[in-house]
Amino acid sequence: MEDTYKTITSLSEAIFTEKRSKFIAVAIPVRTLTEVKSYLEEYQKKYYDARHVCYAYMLGAERKDFRANDNGEPSGTAGKPILGQINSKELTDVLVIVVRYFGGIKLGTSGLIVAYRTAAAMALDEAAVIEKTVDEDVTVVFEYPFMNDVMRIVKEVSPEIIGQAYDMDCIMTLRIRKSLMPALKARLEKVETLHYPEEE
């Protein structure tokens, strides 16, 4: 079961020049479509005088949510090569924008593909890549006397405690790497009074 993915830690930039056309490439870590949209708006405003602001993004650990946009360049010459670079590095949760200032000399479709691909690759090469785990959350409810049992499991399996509340019962939300979740649940289920609220 694949439960890791690669992404970038911070924004990185590169500039590529071909026959006087200038390509400014930016790789940005993103988590949501809302973030993608706001960065696109920001860069379209920032480079309002550029001929083209092309981009591609990939979202989610499964790498199924993606889009490539040529922004007026001939079809398949900009967005696709940018997306190709994200794919070749197996990255996700990333947006790559390539801004083109036309230099007066046409590059032709193959020239455009190479230029956009090179600019995207340069920006991604500048980025620090990290591997993250796909995590899942589980919320458990148990009676107070069983606190020590639950805390012993937390100490041994070491999930992250992301929330806890103590009322009549104790409620705790734990986050752990996807592949370790079955083992965590199996251990927790041995604690007598424990149950999962969402299953009621």
Protein backbone atom coordinates (compact mmCIF):
# COMPACT_ATOMS: atom_id res chain seq x y z
CA MET A 1 0.00 0.00 0.00
CA GLU A 2 1.53 3.28 -1.13
CA ASP A 3 1.28 5.79 1.71
CA THR A 4 3.94 8.33 0.89
CA TYR A 5 4.07 11.11 -1.67
CA LYS A 6 6.57 13.71 -2.77
CA THR A 7 6.00 17.45 -2.76
CA ILE A 8 8.01 20.66 -2.52
CA THR A 9 8.57 22.64 0.67
CA SER A 10 8.66 26.21 -0.60
CA LEU A 11 8.33 28.44 -3.64
CA SER A 12 11.16 28.29 -6.18
CA GLU A 13 11.82 30.27 -9.36
CA ALA A 14 13.89 30.05 -12.51
CA ILE A 15 14.31 32.11 -15.69
CA PHE A 16 14.96 30.62 -19.10
CA THR A 17 15.62 32.64 -22.27
CA GLU A 18 15.21 31.33 -25.81
CA LYS A 19 15.53 33.54 -28.94
CA ARG A 20 14.84 36.65 -26.86
CA SER A 21 11.62 35.15 -25.39
CA LYS A 22 11.87 35.16 -21.60
CA PHE A 23 10.23 32.36 -19.59
CA ILE A 24 9.78 32.97 -15.85
CA ALA A 25 8.91 29.71 -14.08
CA VAL A 26 7.61 29.42 -10.52
CA ALA A 27 6.97 26.20 -8.58
CA ILE A 28 4.61 26.65 -5.62
CA PRO A 29 3.50 24.15 -2.95
CA VAL A 30 -0.34 24.03 -2.81
CA ARG A 31 -2.89 21.86 -1.03
CA THR A 32 -6.23 22.95 -2.49
CA LEU A 33 -7.83 24.20 -5.69
CA THR A 34 -8.64 27.46 -3.85
CA GLU A 35 -4.91 28.02 -3.29
CA VAL A 36 -4.19 27.22 -6.96
CA LYS A 37 -6.78 29.80 -8.08
CA SER A 38 -5.51 32.54 -5.78
CA TYR A 39 -1.87 32.05 -6.92
CA LEU A 40 -2.98 32.09 -10.57
CA GLU A 41 -4.84 35.38 -10.00
CA GLU A 42 -1.84 36.83 -8.19
CA TYR A 43 0.61 35.92 -10.98
CA GLN A 44 -1.75 37.02 -13.76
CA LYS A 45 -1.94 40.43 -12.05
CA LYS A 46 1.80 40.56 -11.35
CA TYR A 47 2.69 39.72 -14.97
CA TYR A 48 -0.30 41.46 -16.58
CA ASP A 49 1.93 42.66 -19.43
CA ALA A 50 3.17 39.16 -20.34
CA ARG A 51 1.99 37.44 -23.51
CA HIS A 52 1.14 34.13 -21.77
CA VAL A 53 0.77 32.86 -18.19
CA CYS A 54 0.66 29.07 -18.59
CA TYR A 55 0.46 26.53 -15.80
CA ALA A 56 -0.10 22.98 -14.61
CA TYR A 57 -0.89 21.58 -11.19
CA MET A 58 -1.19 18.22 -9.45
CA LEU A 59 -3.09 17.75 -6.19
CA GLY A 60 -3.60 14.93 -3.70
CA ALA A 61 -1.61 11.89 -2.64
CA GLU A 62 -3.24 9.73 -5.35
CA ARG A 63 -2.13 12.26 -8.00
CA LYS A 64 -5.51 12.11 -9.77
CA ASP A 65 -6.48 15.79 -9.57
CA PHE A 66 -4.49 17.72 -12.18
CA ARG A 67 -4.84 20.26 -14.94
CA ALA A 68 -2.67 21.81 -17.65
CA ASN A 69 -3.42 25.16 -19.31
CA ASP A 70 -1.80 26.63 -22.45
CA ASN A 71 -3.23 30.14 -21.90
CA GLY A 72 -3.35 31.00 -25.60
CA GLU A 73 -0.22 29.16 -26.71
CA PRO A 74 -0.79 26.49 -29.43
CA SER A 75 -2.58 23.48 -27.91
CA GLY A 76 -0.30 21.13 -26.01
CA THR A 77 2.82 23.31 -26.24
CA ALA A 78 2.83 24.78 -22.72
CA GLY A 79 0.59 23.21 -20.06
CA LYS A 80 1.35 19.61 -21.08
CA PRO A 81 5.16 19.95 -21.01
CA ILE A 82 4.88 21.70 -17.60
CA LEU A 83 2.67 18.87 -16.27
CA GLY A 84 5.14 16.38 -17.78
CA GLN A 85 7.89 17.79 -15.54
CA ILE A 86 5.69 17.50 -12.43
CA ASN A 87 5.01 13.87 -13.42
CA SER A 88 8.61 13.00 -14.21
CA LYS A 89 9.58 14.10 -10.70
CA GLU A 90 6.53 12.24 -9.27
CA LEU A 91 5.42 15.32 -7.37
CA THR A 92 2.01 16.36 -6.10
CA ASP A 93 0.48 19.29 -4.21
CA VAL A 94 2.39 21.55 -6.58
CA LEU A 95 1.54 24.33 -9.02
CA VAL A 96 4.01 25.36 -11.73
CA ILE A 97 3.38 28.64 -13.53
CA VAL A 98 5.46 29.67 -16.55
CA VAL A 99 5.16 33.28 -17.70
CA ARG A 100 6.31 34.09 -21.24
CA TYR A 101 7.47 37.45 -22.51
CA PHE A 102 7.60 37.25 -26.31
CA GLY A 103 10.93 38.32 -27.77
CA GLY A 104 9.79 38.92 -31.34
CA ILE A 105 11.05 35.63 -32.79
CA LYS A 106 8.60 32.75 -33.14
CA LEU A 107 9.80 29.50 -31.60
CA GLY A 108 7.47 27.10 -33.43
CA THR A 109 5.58 24.34 -31.64
CA SER A 110 8.59 22.12 -30.93
CA GLY A 111 10.57 25.15 -29.71
CA LEU A 112 7.72 26.14 -27.39
CA ILE A 113 7.43 22.63 -25.95
CA VAL A 114 11.18 22.53 -25.21
CA ALA A 115 11.14 26.05 -23.71
CA TYR A 116 8.18 25.45 -21.39
CA ARG A 117 9.51 22.02 -20.38
CA THR A 118 12.99 23.44 -19.67
CA ALA A 119 11.66 26.41 -17.66
CA ALA A 120 9.38 24.15 -15.56
CA ALA A 121 12.22 21.66 -14.98
CA MET A 122 14.57 24.46 -13.89
CA ALA A 123 12.05 25.82 -11.33
CA LEU A 124 11.40 22.31 -9.97
CA ASP A 125 15.15 21.60 -9.80
CA GLU A 126 15.47 24.66 -7.55
CA ALA A 127 12.77 23.35 -5.19
CA ALA A 128 13.45 21.32 -2.06
CA VAL A 129 11.53 18.03 -2.40
CA ILE A 130 10.29 16.17 0.65
CA GLU A 131 8.51 12.89 1.12
CA LYS A 132 5.34 13.03 3.20
CA THR A 133 3.19 10.24 4.54
CA VAL A 134 -0.48 9.81 3.78
CA ASP A 135 -2.08 10.06 7.21
CA GLU A 136 -5.49 9.02 8.49
CA ASP A 137 -7.40 10.15 11.57
CA VAL A 138 -9.34 8.02 14.02
CA THR A 139 -11.50 9.30 16.88
CA VAL A 140 -11.95 7.04 19.89
CA VAL A 141 -14.24 7.34 22.89
CA PHE A 142 -13.47 5.61 26.17
CA GLU A 143 -14.19 5.85 29.88
CA TYR A 144 -11.75 7.73 32.03
CA PRO A 145 -10.36 4.69 33.96
CA PHE A 146 -8.99 3.37 30.65
CA MET A 147 -6.90 6.50 30.02
CA ASN A 148 -3.64 4.75 31.01
CA ASP A 149 -4.31 1.85 28.62
CA VAL A 150 -4.97 4.25 25.75
CA MET A 151 -1.95 6.41 26.59
CA ARG A 152 0.29 3.32 26.70
CA ILE A 153 -0.82 2.45 23.13
CA VAL A 154 -0.24 6.06 22.05
CA LYS A 155 3.25 5.90 23.54
CA GLU A 156 4.11 2.57 21.86
CA VAL A 157 2.51 3.11 18.42
CA SER A 158 3.17 6.88 18.52
CA PRO A 159 0.30 8.41 16.53
CA GLU A 160 -0.03 12.19 16.68
CA ILE A 161 -2.73 13.37 19.11
CA ILE A 162 -4.63 16.05 17.20
CA GLY A 163 -7.52 16.54 19.60
CA GLN A 164 -8.78 15.43 22.98
CA ALA A 165 -11.75 16.26 25.15
CA TYR A 166 -12.81 15.03 28.56
CA ASP A 167 -16.45 15.10 29.44
CA MET A 168 -18.51 12.13 30.67
CA ASP A 169 -16.27 10.08 28.39
CA CYS A 170 -12.82 10.79 27.03
CA ILE A 171 -12.65 11.56 23.32
CA MET A 172 -9.35 11.47 21.51
CA THR A 173 -8.52 11.99 17.84
CA LEU A 174 -5.32 10.38 16.66
CA ARG A 175 -3.49 10.75 13.34
CA ILE A 176 -1.15 8.10 11.98
CA ARG A 177 0.40 6.97 8.72
CA LYS A 178 -2.17 5.05 6.65
CA SER A 179 -0.23 1.77 6.65
CA LEU A 180 -0.02 1.81 10.47
CA MET A 181 -3.73 2.53 11.05
CA PRO A 182 -4.90 -1.15 11.13
CA ALA A 183 -2.32 -1.97 13.82
CA LEU A 184 -3.34 1.08 15.86
CA LYS A 185 -7.04 0.18 15.61
CA ALA A 186 -6.33 -3.43 16.54
CA ARG A 187 -4.49 -2.29 19.68
CA LEU A 188 -7.19 0.22 20.61
CA GLU A 189 -9.96 -2.34 20.15
CA LYS A 190 -8.44 -4.43 22.96
CA VAL A 191 -9.29 -1.63 25.40
CA GLU A 192 -12.60 -2.76 26.86
CA THR A 193 -15.01 0.18 26.72
CA LEU A 194 -13.62 1.87 23.70
CA HIS A 195 -15.75 2.60 20.62
CA TYR A 196 -15.62 4.72 17.49
CA PRO A 197 -18.30 7.45 17.50
CA GLU A 198 -18.76 7.50 13.71
CA GLU A 199 -19.86 3.87 13.70
CA GLU A 200 -22.88 4.38 15.91
